[in-house]
Amino acid sequence: MGLKLSTGLMTVGCLLMLMGLTLFSASVSQHQDDAILGAGICAFSFGALLTAGGIYLRGRALLAEAGAASPKAQQKQQQRSGCDLCGIETPAVMCRAHQLHMCPTCLARHFDARSCVYIPSSRKPAAKAAWA
């Protein structure tokens, strides 16, 4: 509904601005009537106000549509950002051998110096370099 209302306000506002310009040009002709000049200025300014209100309503409607879609994306990010073992805390390291992101608590239980290599979790694993 907000998009239709905003389009209607912008259309009516543009028509009023056009009418105001027409009245302004009619007032500066040979007869120079001050009443027509005042009506033209009022019509143009009210049309500009309606157009600005329509643009504002269009922005608010688009913002409301974007706000309705964003919680789903935030839920996906929150699910991925937790520890792979417990899922509660923020991961601190990643085990390269097992490809697990772990929090400090789970790291204490998982620690194996013989087979695991740990890197900071915020850093992406580097691609293997081709040594020639």
C-alpha atoms as a PDB file:
ATOM      1  CA  MET A   1       0.000   0.000   0.000  1.00  0.00           C
ATOM      2  CA  GLY A   2       2.860   2.383   0.765  1.00  0.00           C
ATOM      3  CA  LEU A   3       4.262   2.120  -2.745  1.00  0.00           C
ATOM      4  CA  LYS A   4       0.920   2.917  -4.374  1.00  0.00           C
ATOM      5  CA  LEU A   5       0.313   5.846  -2.043  1.00  0.00           C
ATOM      6  CA  SER A   6       3.779   7.242  -2.641  1.00  0.00           C
ATOM      7  CA  THR A   7       3.374   6.953  -6.409  1.00  0.00           C
ATOM      8  CA  GLY A   8       0.039   8.777  -6.203  1.00  0.00           C
ATOM      9  CA  LEU A   9       1.497  11.557  -4.046  1.00  0.00           C
ATOM     10  CA  MET A  10       4.433  12.037  -6.406  1.00  0.00           C
ATOM     11  CA  THR A  11       2.104  12.144  -9.429  1.00  0.00           C
ATOM     12  CA  VAL A  12      -0.271  14.679  -7.864  1.00  0.00           C
ATOM     13  CA  GLY A  13       2.692  16.727  -6.646  1.00  0.00           C
ATOM     14  CA  CYS A  14       4.257  16.854 -10.105  1.00  0.00           C
ATOM     15  CA  LEU A  15       0.938  17.888 -11.632  1.00  0.00           C
ATOM     16  CA  LEU A  16       0.559  20.675  -9.049  1.00  0.00           C
ATOM     17  CA  MET A  17       4.098  21.868  -9.747  1.00  0.00           C
ATOM     18  CA  LEU A  18       3.317  21.929 -13.477  1.00  0.00           C
ATOM     19  CA  MET A  19       0.120  23.876 -12.775  1.00  0.00           C
ATOM     20  CA  GLY A  20       2.079  26.296 -10.576  1.00  0.00           C
ATOM     21  CA  LEU A  21       4.628  26.911 -13.333  1.00  0.00           C
ATOM     22  CA  THR A  22       1.791  27.483 -15.790  1.00  0.00           C
ATOM     23  CA  LEU A  23       0.124  29.993 -13.448  1.00  0.00           C
ATOM     24  CA  PHE A  24       3.469  31.697 -12.844  1.00  0.00           C
ATOM     25  CA  SER A  25       4.096  32.099 -16.565  1.00  0.00           C
ATOM     26  CA  ALA A  26       0.536  33.413 -17.017  1.00  0.00           C
ATOM     27  CA  SER A  27       1.073  35.999 -14.281  1.00  0.00           C
ATOM     28  CA  VAL A  28       4.203  37.493 -15.844  1.00  0.00           C
ATOM     29  CA  SER A  29       2.520  38.059 -19.195  1.00  0.00           C
ATOM     30  CA  GLN A  30       1.150  41.427 -20.302  1.00  0.00           C
ATOM     31  CA  HIS A  31      -1.512  41.681 -17.584  1.00  0.00           C
ATOM     32  CA  GLN A  32       0.715  40.905 -14.546  1.00  0.00           C
ATOM     33  CA  ASP A  33      -1.936  39.837 -12.034  1.00  0.00           C
ATOM     34  CA  ASP A  34      -0.606  39.418  -8.475  1.00  0.00           C
ATOM     35  CA  ALA A  35      -3.382  36.998  -7.466  1.00  0.00           C
ATOM     36  CA  ILE A  36      -2.412  34.555 -10.231  1.00  0.00           C
ATOM     37  CA  LEU A  37       1.256  34.893  -9.250  1.00  0.00           C
ATOM     38  CA  GLY A  38       0.414  34.009  -5.619  1.00  0.00           C
ATOM     39  CA  ALA A  39      -1.717  31.041  -6.689  1.00  0.00           C
ATOM     40  CA  GLY A  40       1.080  29.798  -8.940  1.00  0.00           C
ATOM     41  CA  ILE A  41       3.664  30.030  -6.170  1.00  0.00           C
ATOM     42  CA  CYS A  42       1.334  28.254  -3.713  1.00  0.00           C
ATOM     43  CA  ALA A  43       0.507  25.486  -6.208  1.00  0.00           C
ATOM     44  CA  PHE A  44       4.182  24.919  -7.025  1.00  0.00           C
ATOM     45  CA  SER A  45       5.268  24.841  -3.379  1.00  0.00           C
ATOM     46  CA  PHE A  46       2.429  22.514  -2.330  1.00  0.00           C
ATOM     47  CA  GLY A  47       3.239  20.246  -5.280  1.00  0.00           C
ATOM     48  CA  ALA A  48       6.887  20.150  -4.220  1.00  0.00           C
ATOM     49  CA  LEU A  49       5.805  19.277  -0.672  1.00  0.00           C
ATOM     50  CA  LEU A  50       3.576  16.434  -1.921  1.00  0.00           C
ATOM     51  CA  THR A  51       6.363  15.114  -4.157  1.00  0.00           C
ATOM     52  CA  ALA A  52       8.838  15.149  -1.270  1.00  0.00           C
ATOM     53  CA  GLY A  53       6.298  13.368   0.930  1.00  0.00           C
ATOM     54  CA  GLY A  54       5.818  10.728  -1.765  1.00  0.00           C
ATOM     55  CA  ILE A  55       9.566  10.174  -2.027  1.00  0.00           C
ATOM     56  CA  TYR A  56       9.768   9.875   1.756  1.00  0.00           C
ATOM     57  CA  LEU A  57       6.933   7.324   1.859  1.00  0.00           C
ATOM     58  CA  ARG A  58       8.564   5.345  -0.965  1.00  0.00           C
ATOM     59  CA  GLY A  59      11.804   5.192   1.012  1.00  0.00           C
ATOM     60  CA  ARG A  60      10.043   4.089   4.182  1.00  0.00           C
ATOM     61  CA  ALA A  61       8.113   1.395   2.301  1.00  0.00           C
ATOM     62  CA  LEU A  62      11.281   0.071   0.674  1.00  0.00           C
ATOM     63  CA  LEU A  63      13.068   0.148   4.021  1.00  0.00           C
ATOM     64  CA  ALA A  64      10.244  -1.853   5.610  1.00  0.00           C
ATOM     65  CA  GLU A  65      10.466  -4.453   2.813  1.00  0.00           C
ATOM     66  CA  ALA A  66      14.224  -4.731   3.230  1.00  0.00           C
ATOM     67  CA  GLY A  67      13.872  -5.006   7.013  1.00  0.00           C
ATOM     68  CA  ALA A  68      11.468  -7.919   6.670  1.00  0.00           C
ATOM     69  CA  ALA A  69      13.959  -9.924   4.588  1.00  0.00           C
ATOM     70  CA  SER A  70      17.095  -9.270   6.656  1.00  0.00           C
ATOM     71  CA  PRO A  71      16.358 -11.338   9.837  1.00  0.00           C
ATOM     72  CA  LYS A  72      16.528 -14.545   7.795  1.00  0.00           C
ATOM     73  CA  ALA A  73      19.996 -13.646   6.555  1.00  0.00           C
ATOM     74  CA  GLN A  74      21.099 -12.734  10.075  1.00  0.00           C
ATOM     75  CA  GLN A  75      19.909 -16.102  11.433  1.00  0.00           C
ATOM     76  CA  LYS A  76      22.008 -17.937   8.857  1.00  0.00           C
ATOM     77  CA  GLN A  77      25.090 -15.914   9.805  1.00  0.00           C
ATOM     78  CA  GLN A  78      24.553 -16.567  13.515  1.00  0.00           C
ATOM     79  CA  GLN A  79      24.284 -20.305  12.949  1.00  0.00           C
ATOM     80  CA  ARG A  80      27.545 -20.397  10.997  1.00  0.00           C
ATOM     81  CA  SER A  81      29.514 -18.148  13.312  1.00  0.00           C
ATOM     82  CA  GLY A  82      29.414 -20.416  16.384  1.00  0.00           C
ATOM     83  CA  CYS A  83      31.723 -23.192  17.458  1.00  0.00           C
ATOM     84  CA  ASP A  84      31.300 -26.357  15.342  1.00  0.00           C
ATOM     85  CA  LEU A  85      31.409 -28.613  18.416  1.00  0.00           C
ATOM     86  CA  CYS A  86      29.286 -26.823  21.022  1.00  0.00           C
ATOM     87  CA  GLY A  87      27.605 -24.164  18.844  1.00  0.00           C
ATOM     88  CA  ILE A  88      27.491 -21.679  21.722  1.00  0.00           C
ATOM     89  CA  GLU A  89      30.694 -19.646  21.857  1.00  0.00           C
ATOM     90  CA  THR A  90      32.561 -17.713  19.201  1.00  0.00           C
ATOM     91  CA  PRO A  91      35.299 -19.810  17.583  1.00  0.00           C
ATOM     92  CA  ALA A  92      38.892 -18.807  18.231  1.00  0.00           C
ATOM     93  CA  VAL A  93      40.845 -21.376  16.202  1.00  0.00           C
ATOM     94  CA  MET A  94      40.305 -23.781  13.339  1.00  0.00           C
ATOM     95  CA  CYS A  95      41.750 -27.299  13.236  1.00  0.00           C
ATOM     96  CA  ARG A  96      43.163 -27.761   9.733  1.00  0.00           C
ATOM     97  CA  ALA A  97      43.224 -31.560  10.033  1.00  0.00           C
ATOM     98  CA  HIS A  98      39.544 -31.901  10.965  1.00  0.00           C
ATOM     99  CA  GLN A  99      38.242 -28.619   9.438  1.00  0.00           C
ATOM    100  CA  LEU A 100      36.560 -27.596  12.703  1.00  0.00           C
ATOM    101  CA  HIS A 101      36.121 -24.089  14.079  1.00  0.00           C
ATOM    102  CA  MET A 102      36.438 -24.295  17.871  1.00  0.00           C
ATOM    103  CA  CYS A 103      36.001 -22.080  20.891  1.00  0.00           C
ATOM    104  CA  PRO A 104      38.669 -22.120  23.650  1.00  0.00           C
ATOM    105  CA  THR A 105      36.603 -24.526  25.788  1.00  0.00           C
ATOM    106  CA  CYS A 106      36.257 -27.112  23.023  1.00  0.00           C
ATOM    107  CA  LEU A 107      39.892 -26.612  22.021  1.00  0.00           C
ATOM    108  CA  ALA A 108      40.998 -27.903  25.430  1.00  0.00           C
ATOM    109  CA  ARG A 109      39.079 -31.146  24.841  1.00  0.00           C
ATOM    110  CA  HIS A 110      40.156 -31.513  21.191  1.00  0.00           C
ATOM    111  CA  PHE A 111      43.850 -30.654  21.520  1.00  0.00           C
ATOM    112  CA  ASP A 112      46.142 -33.195  19.852  1.00  0.00           C
ATOM    113  CA  ALA A 113      49.658 -31.889  19.141  1.00  0.00           C
ATOM    114  CA  ARG A 114      50.607 -34.870  16.958  1.00  0.00           C
ATOM    115  CA  SER A 115      48.001 -34.601  14.197  1.00  0.00           C
ATOM    116  CA  CYS A 116      46.200 -31.246  14.469  1.00  0.00           C
ATOM    117  CA  VAL A 117      47.380 -27.906  13.136  1.00  0.00           C
ATOM    118  CA  TYR A 118      45.556 -24.847  14.458  1.00  0.00           C
ATOM    119  CA  ILE A 119      45.113 -21.485  12.743  1.00  0.00           C
ATOM    120  CA  PRO A 120      43.106 -18.427  13.851  1.00  0.00           C
ATOM    121  CA  SER A 121      39.461 -18.859  12.957  1.00  0.00           C
ATOM    122  CA  SER A 122      39.049 -15.387  11.474  1.00  0.00           C
ATOM    123  CA  ARG A 123      41.655 -16.125   8.819  1.00  0.00           C
ATOM    124  CA  LYS A 124      40.704 -18.182   5.784  1.00  0.00           C
ATOM    125  CA  PRO A 125      42.938 -21.172   5.132  1.00  0.00           C
ATOM    126  CA  ALA A 126      45.525 -20.350   2.491  1.00  0.00           C
ATOM    127  CA  ALA A 127      45.388 -22.219  -0.791  1.00  0.00           C
ATOM    128  CA  LYS A 128      48.234 -24.607  -1.460  1.00  0.00           C
ATOM    129  CA  ALA A 129      50.995 -22.882  -3.389  1.00  0.00           C
ATOM    130  CA  ALA A 130      52.391 -24.653  -6.395  1.00  0.00           C
ATOM    131  CA  TRP A 131      56.155 -24.811  -5.877  1.00  0.00           C
ATOM    132  CA  ALA A 132      58.009 -25.160  -9.123  1.00  0.00           C
END
